[in-house]
Amino acid sequence: MSTEVTTSTETAMKKRIEGLEADFNSVRTGRASATVLERISVDYYGAPTPITQLAGVKSPEANLLVIEPWDKSIMNAIIKAIQSSDLGITPNSDGSCIRLPFPPPTEERRQELVKQCHKYAEETRIAIRNVRRDANSKLERMKKDAEISEDDLRRDEAQIQKLTDRFVKDVDAVVKAKEDELMAV
């Protein structure tokens, strides 16, 4: 029964890493990527809808995104949503599509993005430690209810600590890779 706790703990920690990678995908590098638009929502008939669900997004060049709305009446709403986001890019419209030119970020902007990535990484480390705490609490309750022995408790706590250490190292590796990507000129 205690193996269920370790299995669910590992699954929860993997989800935290996946969440961190999703956060990192939204951090803009010098390259154009449609993932930066996933967090930007437009009010479409009263419902906040991501731009990627309202338009075709293409990247004809490494530093350019082209947004082609399926419903041309929401073009201005998309432009306003992009301008009010923290993307820092001014959209250009020709009436049928919106162009987003991605200039290479300045050194200062890259350092800000690295700080943002470190913040995401620390939030993920905290979430992983919270998963560990919850798992250890479950194990303590199981010990208290005489479902597992003292030896099983210690062994499982050690296993959960190993999982925690492994996933914290994974966070460090992911943030290091993103930092290298951001600082590359």
Protein backbone atom coordinates (compact mmCIF):
# COMPACT_ATOMS: atom_id res chain seq x y z
CA MET A 1 0.00 0.00 0.00
CA SER A 2 2.88 2.38 0.69
CA THR A 3 4.13 1.80 -2.86
CA GLU A 4 0.96 3.56 -4.01
CA VAL A 5 2.10 6.62 -2.09
CA THR A 6 5.53 6.62 -3.73
CA THR A 7 4.03 6.02 -7.18
CA SER A 8 1.53 8.86 -6.79
CA THR A 9 4.29 11.08 -5.40
CA GLU A 10 6.49 10.43 -8.43
CA THR A 11 3.57 11.15 -10.77
CA ALA A 12 2.79 14.42 -8.96
CA MET A 13 6.43 15.50 -9.14
CA LYS A 14 6.57 14.71 -12.88
CA LYS A 15 3.52 16.94 -13.37
CA ARG A 16 5.34 19.78 -11.61
CA ILE A 17 8.28 19.42 -14.03
CA GLU A 18 5.87 19.38 -17.01
CA GLY A 19 4.25 22.54 -15.64
CA LEU A 20 7.66 24.19 -15.39
CA GLU A 21 8.44 23.29 -18.99
CA ALA A 22 5.09 24.76 -20.06
CA ASP A 23 5.94 27.96 -18.15
CA PHE A 24 9.32 28.09 -19.88
CA ASN A 25 7.68 27.70 -23.30
CA SER A 26 5.80 30.92 -22.66
CA VAL A 27 9.04 32.81 -21.97
CA ARG A 28 10.00 34.60 -25.16
CA THR A 29 13.43 34.03 -26.60
CA GLY A 30 14.70 35.68 -29.78
CA ARG A 31 12.91 33.02 -31.84
CA ALA A 32 9.25 33.28 -32.76
CA SER A 33 7.07 30.55 -31.28
CA ALA A 34 3.29 30.23 -31.18
CA THR A 35 3.49 29.05 -27.55
CA VAL A 36 4.00 32.65 -26.41
CA LEU A 37 0.42 33.36 -27.56
CA GLU A 38 -1.21 30.53 -25.60
CA ARG A 39 -1.55 32.63 -22.45
CA ILE A 40 -3.03 35.63 -24.25
CA SER A 41 -6.82 35.52 -24.29
CA VAL A 42 -9.28 37.53 -26.34
CA ASP A 43 -12.88 38.20 -25.32
CA TYR A 44 -14.71 36.24 -28.02
CA TYR A 45 -18.50 36.42 -27.67
CA GLY A 46 -18.19 36.86 -23.92
CA ALA A 47 -15.71 34.02 -23.34
CA PRO A 48 -11.96 34.52 -22.85
CA THR A 49 -10.41 32.44 -25.65
CA PRO A 50 -6.70 31.90 -26.38
CA ILE A 51 -5.50 33.46 -29.64
CA THR A 52 -4.29 30.06 -30.84
CA GLN A 53 -7.93 28.89 -30.86
CA LEU A 54 -9.14 31.89 -32.85
CA ALA A 55 -6.54 32.06 -35.58
CA GLY A 56 -3.97 30.21 -37.57
CA VAL A 57 -0.47 30.99 -36.33
CA LYS A 58 2.50 30.50 -38.65
CA SER A 59 6.18 31.23 -38.34
CA PRO A 60 7.49 31.91 -41.86
CA GLU A 61 10.79 33.21 -40.46
CA ALA A 62 12.71 32.53 -37.25
CA ASN A 63 11.83 35.95 -35.86
CA LEU A 64 8.29 36.48 -37.21
CA LEU A 65 4.85 35.15 -36.33
CA VAL A 66 1.89 35.62 -38.64
CA ILE A 67 -1.58 35.42 -37.10
CA GLU A 68 -4.48 34.87 -39.49
CA PRO A 69 -7.81 35.15 -37.61
CA TRP A 70 -10.57 32.90 -38.94
CA ASP A 71 -13.10 35.59 -38.03
CA LYS A 72 -11.77 38.92 -39.33
CA SER A 73 -14.09 40.86 -37.01
CA ILE A 74 -11.90 40.00 -34.00
CA MET A 75 -8.69 41.35 -35.56
CA ASN A 76 -8.73 44.52 -33.42
CA ALA A 77 -9.49 42.54 -30.26
CA ILE A 78 -6.47 40.31 -30.93
CA ILE A 79 -4.24 43.34 -31.51
CA LYS A 80 -5.43 44.95 -28.26
CA ALA A 81 -4.87 41.70 -26.33
CA ILE A 82 -1.31 41.41 -27.66
CA GLN A 83 -0.56 45.06 -26.87
CA SER A 84 -1.89 44.76 -23.31
CA SER A 85 0.05 41.53 -22.64
CA ASP A 86 3.58 41.44 -21.21
CA LEU A 87 4.94 40.21 -24.55
CA GLY A 88 6.54 43.54 -25.38
CA ILE A 89 5.90 43.29 -29.12
CA THR A 90 3.96 45.72 -31.29
CA PRO A 91 1.69 43.90 -33.74
CA ASN A 92 1.42 45.06 -37.35
CA SER A 93 -1.84 44.50 -39.23
CA ASP A 94 -2.59 44.64 -42.95
CA GLY A 95 -6.31 43.91 -42.62
CA SER A 96 -6.12 40.18 -43.27
CA CYS A 97 -3.35 39.09 -40.92
CA ILE A 98 -1.29 40.30 -37.97
CA ARG A 99 2.49 40.21 -38.04
CA LEU A 100 4.51 39.94 -34.84
CA PRO A 101 8.19 40.73 -35.44
CA PHE A 102 10.39 39.33 -32.65
CA PRO A 103 13.47 41.49 -32.29
CA PRO A 104 16.38 39.84 -30.53
CA PRO A 105 16.11 40.73 -26.83
CA THR A 106 18.60 43.15 -25.34
CA GLU A 107 21.09 41.95 -22.73
CA GLU A 108 18.98 43.59 -20.01
CA ARG A 109 15.79 41.92 -21.26
CA ARG A 110 17.52 38.53 -21.42
CA GLN A 111 18.61 38.92 -17.80
CA GLU A 112 15.02 39.81 -16.82
CA LEU A 113 13.81 36.66 -18.60
CA VAL A 114 16.43 34.57 -16.80
CA LYS A 115 15.21 36.00 -13.47
CA GLN A 116 11.64 35.11 -14.46
CA CYS A 117 12.77 31.55 -15.27
CA HIS A 118 14.53 31.26 -11.91
CA LYS A 119 11.32 32.40 -10.22
CA TYR A 120 9.35 29.70 -12.06
CA ALA A 121 12.01 27.15 -11.09
CA GLU A 122 11.86 28.11 -7.41
CA GLU A 123 8.06 27.86 -7.44
CA THR A 124 8.43 24.37 -8.92
CA ARG A 125 10.99 23.35 -6.28
CA ILE A 126 8.58 24.51 -3.58
CA ALA A 127 5.74 22.54 -5.22
CA ILE A 128 7.94 19.42 -5.32
CA ARG A 129 8.79 19.83 -1.63
CA ASN A 130 5.09 20.23 -0.87
CA VAL A 131 4.41 16.95 -2.67
CA ARG A 132 7.12 15.35 -0.51
CA ARG A 133 5.55 16.77 2.66
CA ASP A 134 2.12 15.48 1.67
CA ALA A 135 3.51 12.02 0.91
CA ASN A 136 5.35 11.87 4.22
CA SER A 137 2.15 12.90 6.01
CA LYS A 138 0.27 10.07 4.30
CA LEU A 139 2.97 7.62 5.35
CA GLU A 140 2.84 8.89 8.95
CA ARG A 141 -0.94 8.39 8.99
CA MET A 142 -0.50 4.89 7.60
CA LYS A 143 2.03 4.14 10.35
CA LYS A 144 -0.31 5.58 12.98
CA ASP A 145 -3.15 3.41 11.64
CA ALA A 146 -0.81 0.38 11.76
CA GLU A 147 -1.02 -0.12 7.99
CA ILE A 148 2.76 -0.09 7.67
CA SER A 149 5.64 -0.83 10.04
CA GLU A 150 8.24 1.60 11.34
CA ASP A 151 10.82 0.07 8.97
CA ASP A 152 8.48 0.51 5.99
CA LEU A 153 7.91 4.12 7.02
CA ARG A 154 11.63 4.90 7.14
CA ARG A 155 12.33 3.07 3.87
CA ASP A 156 9.48 4.87 2.06
CA GLU A 157 10.48 8.26 3.47
CA ALA A 158 14.03 7.67 2.21
CA GLN A 159 12.66 6.68 -1.21
CA ILE A 160 10.51 9.83 -1.35
CA GLN A 161 13.53 11.93 -0.40
CA LYS A 162 15.49 10.34 -3.27
CA LEU A 163 12.62 11.19 -5.63
CA THR A 164 12.59 14.76 -4.33
CA ASP A 165 16.34 15.11 -4.84
CA ARG A 166 16.09 13.69 -8.36
CA PHE A 167 13.28 16.03 -9.39
CA VAL A 168 14.98 19.07 -7.87
CA LYS A 169 18.05 18.18 -9.97
CA ASP A 170 15.74 17.91 -12.99
CA VAL A 171 14.44 21.42 -12.24
CA ASP A 172 18.03 22.68 -12.06
CA ALA A 173 18.85 21.03 -15.40
CA VAL A 174 15.75 22.44 -17.11
CA VAL A 175 16.37 25.97 -15.81
CA LYS A 176 20.06 25.78 -16.81
CA ALA A 177 19.10 24.74 -20.36
CA LYS A 178 16.57 27.58 -20.61
CA GLU A 179 19.09 30.06 -19.21
CA ASP A 180 21.66 28.96 -21.83
CA GLU A 181 19.02 29.35 -24.54
CA LEU A 182 18.08 32.83 -23.36
CA MET A 183 21.65 34.08 -23.00
CA ALA A 184 22.73 32.83 -26.44
CA VAL A 185 23.04 35.80 -28.75
